[in-house]
């Protein structure tokens, strides 16, 4: 596994509230007992990258220091052709994040239905795009998978899309001008990897209006060059107003998503998703690793103190706390108030 990070877009090899990350793994189905091995591989020339190696359940660790080797199994090697590299990206700052930082109850506000990116969120996307192009990653990606919510769609096309769109009959725009009140010009699909929307990598389902998607019909108008063919229902039938997906259910969905990824032929894939999805999915890994590796894999802001290997997308700075962190803090306060 490799991560990248961007605030507000995040990569594992890169990560931010909104970060991006790289992951390499052999195409073996995952389970909650799968091994996650950390390897301190050569950092790309661009600043702030981190790489993790994700191995299957019967494989062993490649640790980055003698102390991390203690208690670990002996290293294993895998042929490169049996591996995939995943670039895990968290979306840019959304309108719901701003008020949610101040008051967790703001996530219940229907005005944030299918929240779009803020101007700061778009700046974060632009920063990550520049980084992805500067380090050559934009030419390596075979496929981009995105959660079918407005903020992730905007992030996906903004980071991995082509240059400015000009009208032509043979090329669709990835995004039309001002999609989602963005005030942005149209984005071309020319020289862009395929971008496919997939429901499995959505944020926590239910209750929060910001996590309810719009109809596929609406999205197809706003994002003509994005492939929505894998979404079975035009309307959002997964989101329930009165039922919130549990953390365990979200983690299980994450494992199902990873297993599905290994059925794809593409070797280098970017996944644009959400903090809650990343956090609860990644916490299922690393139980058989050194504790420091487990901590690094599962924390929200991967690489905040690993400037040598991570790209901190939270530039420029702004309020953008992940909703899952706010939710955990809220739960902590509630427990303290209980008799």
Protein backbone atom coordinates (compact mmCIF):
# COMPACT_ATOMS: atom_id res chain seq x y z
CA UNK A 1 0.00 0.00 0.00
CA UNK A 2 1.13 3.52 -0.67
CA UNK A 3 -0.49 6.72 0.58
CA UNK A 4 -0.56 10.40 -0.53
CA UNK A 5 -2.21 13.24 1.37
CA UNK A 6 -3.96 16.46 0.61
CA UNK A 7 -6.08 18.64 2.81
CA UNK A 8 -8.64 18.33 1.53
CA UNK A 9 -7.86 16.09 -0.96
CA UNK A 10 -5.81 13.32 0.60
CA UNK A 11 -3.45 10.71 -0.85
CA UNK A 12 -2.22 7.65 1.15
CA UNK A 13 1.05 8.10 0.26
CA UNK A 14 -0.67 11.61 0.40
CA UNK A 15 -3.24 12.62 2.96
CA UNK A 16 -5.17 15.60 4.23
CA UNK A 17 -8.69 16.38 5.09
CA UNK A 18 -8.47 15.69 2.13
CA UNK A 19 -5.38 13.88 1.46
CA UNK A 20 -4.14 11.36 -1.03
CA UNK A 21 -2.42 8.10 -0.33
CA UNK A 22 -0.62 5.34 -2.25
CA UNK A 23 -1.13 1.66 -1.50
CA UNK A 24 0.49 -1.36 -3.12
CA UNK A 25 -0.96 -4.81 -2.67
CA UNK A 26 -1.07 -8.16 -4.40
CA UNK A 27 -4.53 -8.99 -5.79
CA UNK A 28 -5.58 -11.29 -2.97
CA UNK A 29 -9.01 -10.82 -1.36
CA UNK A 30 -8.87 -8.97 1.94
CA UNK A 31 -10.38 -9.83 5.28
CA UNK A 32 -10.30 -7.98 8.58
CA UNK A 33 -7.28 -10.09 9.52
CA UNK A 34 -5.24 -9.02 6.47
CA UNK A 35 -1.67 -7.94 7.13
CA UNK A 36 -0.59 -4.35 6.56
CA UNK A 37 3.15 -3.94 6.28
CA UNK A 38 4.89 -0.60 6.36
CA UNK A 39 7.94 0.01 4.28
CA UNK A 40 9.87 3.25 4.24
CA UNK A 41 10.36 3.29 0.49
CA UNK A 42 12.20 5.99 -1.41
CA UNK A 43 10.13 9.17 -1.20
CA UNK A 44 9.16 10.85 -4.48
CA UNK A 45 10.87 14.09 -5.36
CA UNK A 46 7.81 16.08 -4.41
CA UNK A 47 7.55 17.00 -0.77
CA UNK A 48 5.27 15.20 1.68
CA UNK A 49 4.80 11.66 0.46
CA UNK A 50 4.48 8.53 2.54
CA UNK A 51 4.31 4.95 1.33
CA UNK A 52 2.85 1.87 2.97
CA UNK A 53 2.96 -1.68 1.67
CA UNK A 54 -0.28 -3.58 2.12
CA UNK A 55 0.15 -7.33 2.02
CA UNK A 56 -2.40 -10.19 2.05
CA UNK A 57 -3.41 -12.18 5.09
CA UNK A 58 -0.65 -14.79 4.85
CA UNK A 59 2.15 -12.38 4.03
CA UNK A 60 4.59 -10.77 6.42
CA UNK A 61 5.98 -7.32 7.15
CA UNK A 62 8.66 -5.19 5.61
CA UNK A 63 9.49 -2.76 8.41
CA UNK A 64 11.32 0.52 8.14
CA UNK A 65 13.54 0.28 11.22
CA UNK A 66 15.12 -2.37 13.48
CA UNK A 67 12.74 -1.45 16.30
CA UNK A 68 9.76 -2.14 14.10
CA UNK A 69 11.23 -5.51 13.14
CA UNK A 70 10.97 -6.70 16.72
CA UNK A 71 8.11 -9.13 17.05
CA UNK A 72 7.40 -9.07 13.32
CA UNK A 73 7.57 -11.97 10.89
CA UNK A 74 10.43 -12.23 8.44
CA UNK A 75 10.10 -10.11 5.27
CA UNK A 76 8.44 -11.48 2.13
CA UNK A 77 8.86 -10.47 -1.50
CA UNK A 78 6.17 -10.24 -4.17
CA UNK A 79 6.54 -9.82 -7.96
CA UNK A 80 5.63 -6.30 -9.07
CA UNK A 81 3.18 -7.59 -11.68
CA UNK A 82 1.10 -9.09 -8.86
CA UNK A 83 0.71 -5.73 -7.13
CA UNK A 84 -1.56 -2.73 -7.46
CA UNK A 85 -0.88 0.83 -6.40
CA UNK A 86 -3.83 2.72 -4.93
CA UNK A 87 -3.80 6.48 -4.47
CA UNK A 88 -6.33 7.23 -1.73
CA UNK A 89 -7.63 10.77 -1.93
CA UNK A 90 -9.88 12.58 0.46
CA UNK A 91 -12.06 15.34 -1.02
CA UNK A 92 -11.38 19.05 -0.53
CA UNK A 93 -13.08 21.14 2.14
CA UNK A 94 -16.86 21.02 1.81
CA UNK A 95 -19.39 23.62 2.91
CA UNK A 96 -20.56 21.25 5.64
CA UNK A 97 -17.04 20.99 7.14
CA UNK A 98 -16.87 24.71 7.92
CA UNK A 99 -19.89 24.83 10.22
CA UNK A 100 -19.38 21.25 11.36
CA UNK A 101 -16.02 22.30 12.83
CA UNK A 102 -17.89 24.69 15.10
CA UNK A 103 -20.95 22.62 15.89
CA UNK A 104 -21.36 18.90 15.16
CA UNK A 105 -25.14 19.35 14.89
CA UNK A 106 -24.55 21.38 11.73
CA UNK A 107 -24.09 18.11 9.87
CA UNK A 108 -27.84 17.59 10.36
CA UNK A 109 -28.69 20.79 8.48
CA UNK A 110 -30.57 20.02 5.22
CA UNK A 111 -28.96 23.06 3.58
CA UNK A 112 -25.80 20.92 3.26
CA UNK A 113 -27.53 18.22 1.21
CA UNK A 114 -24.85 16.65 -1.02
CA UNK A 115 -22.36 19.31 0.06
CA UNK A 116 -20.13 20.91 -2.57
CA UNK A 117 -16.59 22.24 -2.23
CA UNK A 118 -15.87 25.65 -0.75
CA UNK A 119 -13.52 28.14 -2.47
CA UNK A 120 -10.84 26.89 -0.06
CA UNK A 121 -11.65 23.33 -1.06
CA UNK A 122 -11.04 24.22 -4.69
CA UNK A 123 -7.73 25.84 -3.77
CA UNK A 124 -6.76 22.60 -2.07
CA UNK A 125 -7.74 20.69 -5.20
CA UNK A 126 -5.63 23.02 -7.32
CA UNK A 127 -2.64 22.50 -5.02
CA UNK A 128 -2.96 18.76 -5.20
CA UNK A 129 -3.35 18.87 -8.97
CA UNK A 130 -0.10 20.82 -9.28
CA UNK A 131 1.65 18.29 -7.07
CA UNK A 132 0.27 15.29 -8.97
CA UNK A 133 1.44 16.79 -12.24
CA UNK A 134 4.83 17.90 -10.92
CA UNK A 135 5.72 14.44 -9.57
CA UNK A 136 4.56 12.71 -12.76
CA UNK A 137 1.69 10.83 -11.12
CA UNK A 138 -0.87 12.26 -13.54
CA UNK A 139 0.72 10.24 -16.36
CA UNK A 140 0.76 6.99 -14.38
CA UNK A 141 -2.85 6.68 -13.22
CA UNK A 142 -4.81 4.04 -15.16
CA UNK A 143 -8.16 4.67 -13.50
CA UNK A 144 -9.84 7.04 -11.05
CA UNK A 145 -12.61 5.69 -8.80
CA UNK A 146 -14.73 8.30 -7.04
CA UNK A 147 -17.49 8.30 -4.46
CA UNK A 148 -20.67 9.57 -6.19
CA UNK A 149 -21.11 12.65 -4.01
CA UNK A 150 -20.71 16.18 -5.32
CA UNK A 151 -17.62 17.08 -3.28
CA UNK A 152 -15.74 13.93 -4.31
CA UNK A 153 -16.75 14.26 -7.95
CA UNK A 154 -15.50 17.86 -7.97
CA UNK A 155 -12.25 16.77 -6.33
CA UNK A 156 -11.73 13.86 -8.74
CA UNK A 157 -12.19 15.88 -11.93
CA UNK A 158 -10.29 18.86 -10.49
CA UNK A 159 -7.23 16.81 -9.57
CA UNK A 160 -7.11 14.24 -12.36
CA UNK A 161 -9.05 15.90 -15.19
CA UNK A 162 -7.66 17.43 -18.37
CA UNK A 163 -6.90 21.08 -18.98
CA UNK A 164 -9.50 23.77 -19.68
CA UNK A 165 -12.35 22.55 -21.88
CA UNK A 166 -13.00 23.87 -25.37
CA UNK A 167 -16.11 22.87 -27.28
CA UNK A 168 -15.57 19.98 -29.64
CA UNK A 169 -17.82 17.18 -30.79
CA UNK A 170 -15.46 14.29 -30.07
CA UNK A 171 -14.55 15.11 -26.43
CA UNK A 172 -16.98 15.38 -23.50
CA UNK A 173 -16.27 17.70 -20.59
CA UNK A 174 -15.63 15.92 -17.32
CA UNK A 175 -17.43 18.80 -15.61
CA UNK A 176 -19.56 21.58 -17.05
CA UNK A 177 -18.91 25.17 -16.05
CA UNK A 178 -20.11 26.20 -12.56
CA UNK A 179 -21.08 22.65 -11.59
CA UNK A 180 -22.27 22.64 -7.99
CA UNK A 181 -22.06 26.43 -7.71
CA UNK A 182 -18.32 26.15 -8.11
CA UNK A 183 -17.76 29.23 -10.24
CA UNK A 184 -15.21 27.12 -12.11
CA UNK A 185 -14.70 26.75 -15.84
CA UNK A 186 -15.54 23.47 -17.55
CA UNK A 187 -12.94 20.68 -17.22
CA UNK A 188 -11.93 18.56 -20.20
CA UNK A 189 -11.73 14.79 -20.34
CA UNK A 190 -8.95 14.99 -22.94
CA UNK A 191 -5.78 13.20 -21.75
CA UNK A 192 -7.54 12.27 -18.49
CA UNK A 193 -7.74 8.72 -17.11
CA UNK A 194 -11.24 7.19 -16.98
CA UNK A 195 -13.20 8.39 -13.95
CA UNK A 196 -15.79 5.94 -12.61
CA UNK A 197 -18.31 6.57 -9.79
CA UNK A 198 -18.75 3.69 -7.30
CA UNK A 199 -21.20 3.56 -4.36
CA UNK A 200 -19.04 1.26 -2.20
CA UNK A 201 -16.55 4.04 -1.33
CA UNK A 202 -19.14 6.53 -0.09
CA UNK A 203 -19.03 8.23 3.29
CA UNK A 204 -21.01 6.99 6.33
CA UNK A 205 -24.56 6.33 5.08
CA UNK A 206 -27.66 7.84 6.63
CA UNK A 207 -28.95 10.70 8.80
CA UNK A 208 -26.49 13.43 7.70
CA UNK A 209 -27.91 15.26 4.64
CA UNK A 210 -24.39 16.14 3.49
CA UNK A 211 -23.80 12.42 2.85
CA UNK A 212 -26.90 11.93 0.68
CA UNK A 213 -26.17 12.00 -3.02
CA UNK A 214 -28.11 13.65 -5.82
CA UNK A 215 -29.66 11.66 -8.65
CA UNK A 216 -27.48 10.10 -11.31
CA UNK A 217 -29.49 12.05 -13.87
CA UNK A 218 -28.39 15.32 -12.27
CA UNK A 219 -24.78 14.16 -12.04
CA UNK A 220 -24.68 13.08 -15.68
CA UNK A 221 -25.64 16.61 -16.68
CA UNK A 222 -22.97 18.19 -14.44
CA UNK A 223 -20.24 15.59 -15.11
CA UNK A 224 -20.84 14.28 -18.67
CA UNK A 225 -17.43 12.61 -18.93
CA UNK A 226 -17.72 10.61 -15.70
CA UNK A 227 -18.88 6.98 -15.92
CA UNK A 228 -21.92 6.35 -13.69
CA UNK A 229 -22.82 2.98 -15.23
CA UNK A 230 -21.93 1.00 -12.07
CA UNK A 231 -24.56 2.84 -9.99
CA UNK A 232 -27.74 0.78 -10.07
CA UNK A 233 -30.33 3.33 -8.91
CA UNK A 234 -30.91 6.84 -10.22
CA UNK A 235 -32.05 8.08 -6.80
CA UNK A 236 -30.12 7.47 -3.59
CA UNK A 237 -31.74 4.40 -2.04
CA UNK A 238 -28.81 3.63 0.28
CA UNK A 239 -29.12 6.76 2.46
CA UNK A 240 -31.80 6.58 5.20
CA UNK A 241 -32.97 9.65 7.07
CA UNK A 242 -33.36 7.81 10.39
CA UNK A 243 -30.69 5.07 10.23
CA UNK A 244 -26.95 5.76 10.46
CA UNK A 245 -24.57 3.09 9.16
CA UNK A 246 -22.49 1.68 12.00
CA UNK A 247 -18.70 1.91 12.02
CA UNK A 248 -18.50 -1.86 11.70
CA UNK A 249 -20.79 -1.83 8.67
CA UNK A 250 -18.72 0.94 7.10
CA UNK A 251 -15.48 -0.99 7.66
CA UNK A 252 -17.01 -4.14 6.13
CA UNK A 253 -18.10 -2.10 3.11
CA UNK A 254 -14.54 -0.81 2.81
CA UNK A 255 -13.16 -4.35 2.72
CA UNK A 256 -15.76 -5.26 0.09
CA UNK A 257 -14.64 -2.28 -1.95
CA UNK A 258 -10.97 -3.32 -1.76
CA UNK A 259 -11.86 -6.85 -2.82
CA UNK A 260 -13.74 -5.40 -5.78
CA UNK A 261 -10.72 -3.30 -6.76
CA UNK A 262 -8.62 -6.46 -7.13
CA UNK A 263 -11.01 -7.65 -9.85
CA UNK A 264 -10.04 -4.65 -11.97
CA UNK A 265 -7.36 -5.03 -14.61
CA UNK A 266 -5.84 -1.60 -13.91
CA UNK A 267 -2.61 -1.56 -11.90
CA UNK A 268 -2.44 2.06 -10.71
CA UNK A 269 -5.74 3.42 -9.38
CA UNK A 270 -6.71 6.64 -7.64
CA UNK A 271 -9.65 6.49 -5.20
CA UNK A 272 -11.33 9.79 -4.28
CA UNK A 273 -13.36 9.27 -1.12
CA UNK A 274 -14.05 10.47 2.44
CA UNK A 275 -12.30 10.61 5.82
CA UNK A 276 -14.76 8.32 7.58
CA UNK A 277 -14.52 5.70 4.85
CA UNK A 278 -10.72 5.80 4.86
CA UNK A 279 -10.38 5.82 8.64
CA UNK A 280 -12.73 2.93 9.41
CA UNK A 281 -11.50 0.83 6.50
CA UNK A 282 -7.81 1.29 7.32
CA UNK A 283 -8.28 0.59 11.04
CA UNK A 284 -9.10 -3.01 10.11
CA UNK A 285 -5.47 -3.44 9.04
CA UNK A 286 -2.22 -3.55 10.97
CA UNK A 287 -3.15 -5.73 13.96
CA UNK A 288 -0.11 -7.90 13.27
CA UNK A 289 2.21 -4.93 12.72
CA UNK A 290 4.37 -2.97 15.11
CA UNK A 291 2.10 -0.63 17.18
CA UNK A 292 3.65 2.45 15.57
CA UNK A 293 2.69 1.14 12.15
CA UNK A 294 -0.86 0.38 13.25
CA UNK A 295 -1.17 3.92 14.62
CA UNK A 296 0.15 5.46 11.44
CA UNK A 297 -2.20 3.46 9.23
CA UNK A 298 -5.35 4.31 11.16
CA UNK A 299 -4.99 7.94 12.19
CA UNK A 300 -7.10 10.59 10.47
CA UNK A 301 -4.34 12.93 9.35
CA UNK A 302 -1.75 10.53 8.06
CA UNK A 303 1.69 11.98 7.95
CA UNK A 304 1.05 15.27 9.78
CA UNK A 305 4.48 14.82 11.33
CA UNK A 306 6.02 12.91 8.41
CA UNK A 307 6.89 15.81 6.13
CA UNK A 308 9.48 13.73 4.30
CA UNK A 309 6.91 11.35 2.90
CA UNK A 310 3.54 13.13 2.86
CA UNK A 311 1.96 15.89 0.84
CA UNK A 312 -0.06 18.03 3.30
CA UNK A 313 -2.93 19.21 1.18
CA UNK A 314 -4.19 21.50 3.92
CA UNK A 315 -2.59 24.48 2.25
CA UNK A 316 -3.89 27.12 2.48
CA UNK A 317 -5.13 26.46 5.99
CA UNK A 318 -8.76 26.61 6.99
CA UNK A 319 -11.38 24.88 9.14
CA UNK A 320 -11.87 21.44 7.73
CA UNK A 321 -12.10 18.89 10.50
CA UNK A 322 -13.33 15.47 9.30
CA UNK A 323 -16.90 14.80 10.41
CA UNK A 324 -15.81 11.52 11.97
CA UNK A 325 -13.45 13.37 14.31
CA UNK A 326 -16.23 15.74 15.30
CA UNK A 327 -18.51 12.76 15.82
CA UNK A 328 -15.96 11.00 18.04
CA UNK A 329 -15.43 14.16 20.08
CA UNK A 330 -19.19 14.50 20.46
CA UNK A 331 -19.44 10.91 21.66
CA UNK A 332 -16.65 11.56 24.15
CA UNK A 333 -18.42 14.56 25.61
CA UNK A 334 -21.65 12.59 25.89
CA UNK A 335 -19.96 9.77 27.77
CA UNK A 336 -18.42 12.23 30.21
CA UNK A 337 -21.85 13.65 30.96
CA UNK A 338 -23.33 10.26 31.65
CA UNK A 339 -23.76 9.30 35.29
